[in-house]
């Protein structure tokens, strides 16, 4: 895979490893994240959205068996089963709002409340006392930066002590 901002790849461009010709592809899946040649993570988040919708369909199928379950418990299950799919890799893409991911979350919340799809999103968030997925993604980015920062400090202190 050749990362580039645009333009065509020259036809004579080739790479080899151990005398084996490597194929040049337009996208590559690594650890569940889809990387494209342009470096955009839009395709990755679209893939995560589709995977979350599949999981949500199965979740709803089993959820209908439990008639007396409260919305709080349903949302707790959503947070444990669907939210990790939606926010997978958000440490990389979390600083950009992704409407497709938020759409899955808001439609699920509206179905939990039994309101129309055209209901204001702000009312739904306030009624359930929840944050949007972008806020959770930002929290994950901050936690990741703190973790990496702490790791760098440990490395620097360890290096200084050995000298």
Protein backbone atom coordinates (compact mmCIF):
# COMPACT_ATOMS: atom_id res chain seq x y z
CA UNK A 1 0.00 0.00 0.00
CA UNK A 2 1.37 3.39 -0.98
CA UNK A 3 0.13 6.34 1.07
CA UNK A 4 -0.31 9.49 -0.98
CA UNK A 5 -2.44 12.61 -1.02
CA UNK A 6 -3.64 12.12 -4.56
CA UNK A 7 -2.68 11.34 -8.10
CA UNK A 8 -1.96 8.09 -9.82
CA UNK A 9 0.69 5.59 -8.86
CA UNK A 10 3.32 5.23 -11.59
CA UNK A 11 2.99 1.96 -13.49
CA UNK A 12 6.67 1.15 -13.08
CA UNK A 13 6.56 1.47 -9.27
CA UNK A 14 7.22 -1.82 -7.54
CA UNK A 15 8.39 -3.08 -4.18
CA UNK A 16 9.94 -6.39 -3.22
CA UNK A 17 10.82 -8.18 -0.02
CA UNK A 18 13.17 -11.20 -0.03
CA UNK A 19 12.99 -11.22 -3.84
CA UNK A 20 9.19 -11.48 -3.68
CA UNK A 21 7.09 -8.87 -5.49
CA UNK A 22 4.69 -7.01 -3.15
CA UNK A 23 1.22 -6.13 -4.35
CA UNK A 24 0.11 -2.48 -4.22
CA UNK A 25 -3.43 -2.21 -2.85
CA UNK A 26 -5.90 0.66 -2.32
CA UNK A 27 -6.85 -0.27 1.23
CA UNK A 28 -5.53 -2.53 3.95
CA UNK A 29 -7.12 -3.88 7.14
CA UNK A 30 -4.77 -3.96 10.11
CA UNK A 31 -6.07 -4.94 13.56
CA UNK A 32 -9.63 -4.31 12.42
CA UNK A 33 -8.97 -0.77 11.11
CA UNK A 34 -9.24 -0.03 7.39
CA UNK A 35 -6.38 2.12 6.09
CA UNK A 36 -6.69 3.74 2.66
CA UNK A 37 -4.08 5.24 0.36
CA UNK A 38 -5.18 8.82 1.09
CA UNK A 39 -4.71 8.40 4.84
CA UNK A 40 -8.34 9.22 5.63
CA UNK A 41 -10.01 7.20 8.35
CA UNK A 42 -13.51 7.80 6.95
CA UNK A 43 -13.59 4.32 5.43
CA UNK A 44 -12.53 2.86 8.78
CA UNK A 45 -15.32 4.61 10.66
CA UNK A 46 -17.85 3.65 7.98
CA UNK A 47 -16.79 0.02 8.40
CA UNK A 48 -17.12 0.31 12.19
CA UNK A 49 -20.60 1.78 11.74
CA UNK A 50 -21.68 -1.16 9.58
CA UNK A 51 -20.27 -3.66 12.07
CA UNK A 52 -22.04 -1.90 14.95
CA UNK A 53 -25.33 -1.91 13.03
CA UNK A 54 -25.02 -5.67 12.52
CA UNK A 55 -24.32 -6.18 16.22
CA UNK A 56 -27.19 -3.84 17.11
CA UNK A 57 -29.59 -5.83 14.96
CA UNK A 58 -28.65 -9.03 16.80
CA UNK A 59 -28.82 -7.20 20.14
CA UNK A 60 -32.35 -5.95 19.40
CA UNK A 61 -33.41 -9.42 18.31
CA UNK A 62 -32.50 -10.82 21.72
CA UNK A 63 -33.71 -7.73 23.57
CA UNK A 64 -37.35 -8.34 22.55
CA UNK A 65 -37.37 -11.47 24.71
CA UNK A 66 -37.06 -9.30 27.84
CA UNK A 67 -40.21 -7.20 28.05
CA UNK A 68 -39.74 -5.58 31.45
CA UNK A 69 -36.15 -4.39 31.07
CA UNK A 70 -35.65 -0.71 31.94
CA UNK A 71 -34.13 1.80 29.49
CA UNK A 72 -31.18 2.28 31.87
CA UNK A 73 -30.32 -1.41 31.68
CA UNK A 74 -30.74 -1.42 27.90
CA UNK A 75 -28.37 1.55 27.60
CA UNK A 76 -25.91 -0.14 29.93
CA UNK A 77 -25.94 -3.18 27.66
CA UNK A 78 -25.47 -0.87 24.67
CA UNK A 79 -22.42 0.65 26.37
CA UNK A 80 -20.93 -2.78 26.96
CA UNK A 81 -21.77 -4.42 23.62
CA UNK A 82 -22.13 -1.79 20.88
CA UNK A 83 -20.16 1.25 22.07
CA UNK A 84 -16.79 -0.59 21.96
CA UNK A 85 -17.46 -1.41 18.31
CA UNK A 86 -18.40 2.18 17.48
CA UNK A 87 -15.38 3.65 19.27
CA UNK A 88 -12.78 1.07 18.25
CA UNK A 89 -9.57 2.90 17.40
CA UNK A 90 -11.02 6.26 18.40
CA UNK A 91 -7.62 7.17 19.81
CA UNK A 92 -6.64 7.71 16.16
CA UNK A 93 -9.77 9.29 14.71
CA UNK A 94 -11.45 10.70 17.85
CA UNK A 95 -10.63 14.35 17.25
CA UNK A 96 -12.93 14.45 14.21
CA UNK A 97 -16.73 14.19 14.50
CA UNK A 98 -18.13 11.19 12.67
CA UNK A 99 -21.88 11.65 12.03
CA UNK A 100 -22.38 8.03 10.91
CA UNK A 101 -21.26 6.75 14.31
CA UNK A 102 -23.41 9.26 16.16
CA UNK A 103 -26.43 8.33 14.03
CA UNK A 104 -26.32 4.72 15.26
CA UNK A 105 -26.25 5.93 18.86
CA UNK A 106 -29.07 8.49 18.54
CA UNK A 107 -31.38 6.16 16.62
CA UNK A 108 -30.91 3.51 19.29
CA UNK A 109 -31.65 5.98 22.09
CA UNK A 110 -34.78 7.16 20.31
CA UNK A 111 -35.97 3.60 19.88
CA UNK A 112 -35.35 2.97 23.61
CA UNK A 113 -37.54 5.93 24.48
CA UNK A 114 -40.14 5.04 21.86
CA UNK A 115 -40.09 8.49 20.27
CA UNK A 116 -40.14 9.47 16.61
CA UNK A 117 -36.94 9.59 14.60
CA UNK A 118 -37.60 13.30 14.01
CA UNK A 119 -37.43 14.09 17.76
CA UNK A 120 -34.73 16.62 18.69
CA UNK A 121 -31.46 14.89 19.59
CA UNK A 122 -30.81 17.29 22.48
CA UNK A 123 -34.05 16.26 24.16
CA UNK A 124 -33.12 12.60 23.88
CA UNK A 125 -29.64 13.16 25.34
CA UNK A 126 -31.06 15.19 28.24
CA UNK A 127 -33.83 12.70 28.95
CA UNK A 128 -31.37 9.82 29.18
CA UNK A 129 -28.53 11.84 30.72
CA UNK A 130 -25.99 10.70 28.16
CA UNK A 131 -23.10 12.13 26.17
CA UNK A 132 -22.66 11.84 22.43
CA UNK A 133 -20.13 9.39 20.99
CA UNK A 134 -17.80 12.25 20.02
CA UNK A 135 -17.43 13.18 23.70
CA UNK A 136 -16.55 9.60 24.59
CA UNK A 137 -14.04 9.52 21.73
CA UNK A 138 -12.39 12.71 23.02
CA UNK A 139 -12.18 11.16 26.50
CA UNK A 140 -10.46 8.11 24.98
CA UNK A 141 -8.00 10.38 23.12
CA UNK A 142 -7.14 12.26 26.32
CA UNK A 143 -6.65 9.01 28.26
CA UNK A 144 -4.42 7.69 25.49
CA UNK A 145 -2.33 10.87 25.41
CA UNK A 146 -1.90 10.71 29.19
CA UNK A 147 -0.84 7.06 28.93
CA UNK A 148 1.67 7.79 26.17
CA UNK A 149 2.94 10.86 28.03
CA UNK A 150 3.46 8.82 31.19
CA UNK A 151 5.31 6.17 29.16
CA UNK A 152 7.60 8.80 27.63
CA UNK A 153 8.36 10.29 31.05
CA UNK A 154 9.26 6.82 32.38
CA UNK A 155 11.55 6.27 29.40
CA UNK A 156 13.24 9.65 29.86
CA UNK A 157 13.72 9.16 33.61
CA UNK A 158 15.06 5.65 33.01
CA UNK A 159 17.49 7.01 30.42
CA UNK A 160 18.67 9.79 32.74
CA UNK A 161 19.21 7.38 35.61
CA UNK A 162 21.41 5.07 33.52
CA UNK A 163 23.75 7.95 32.61
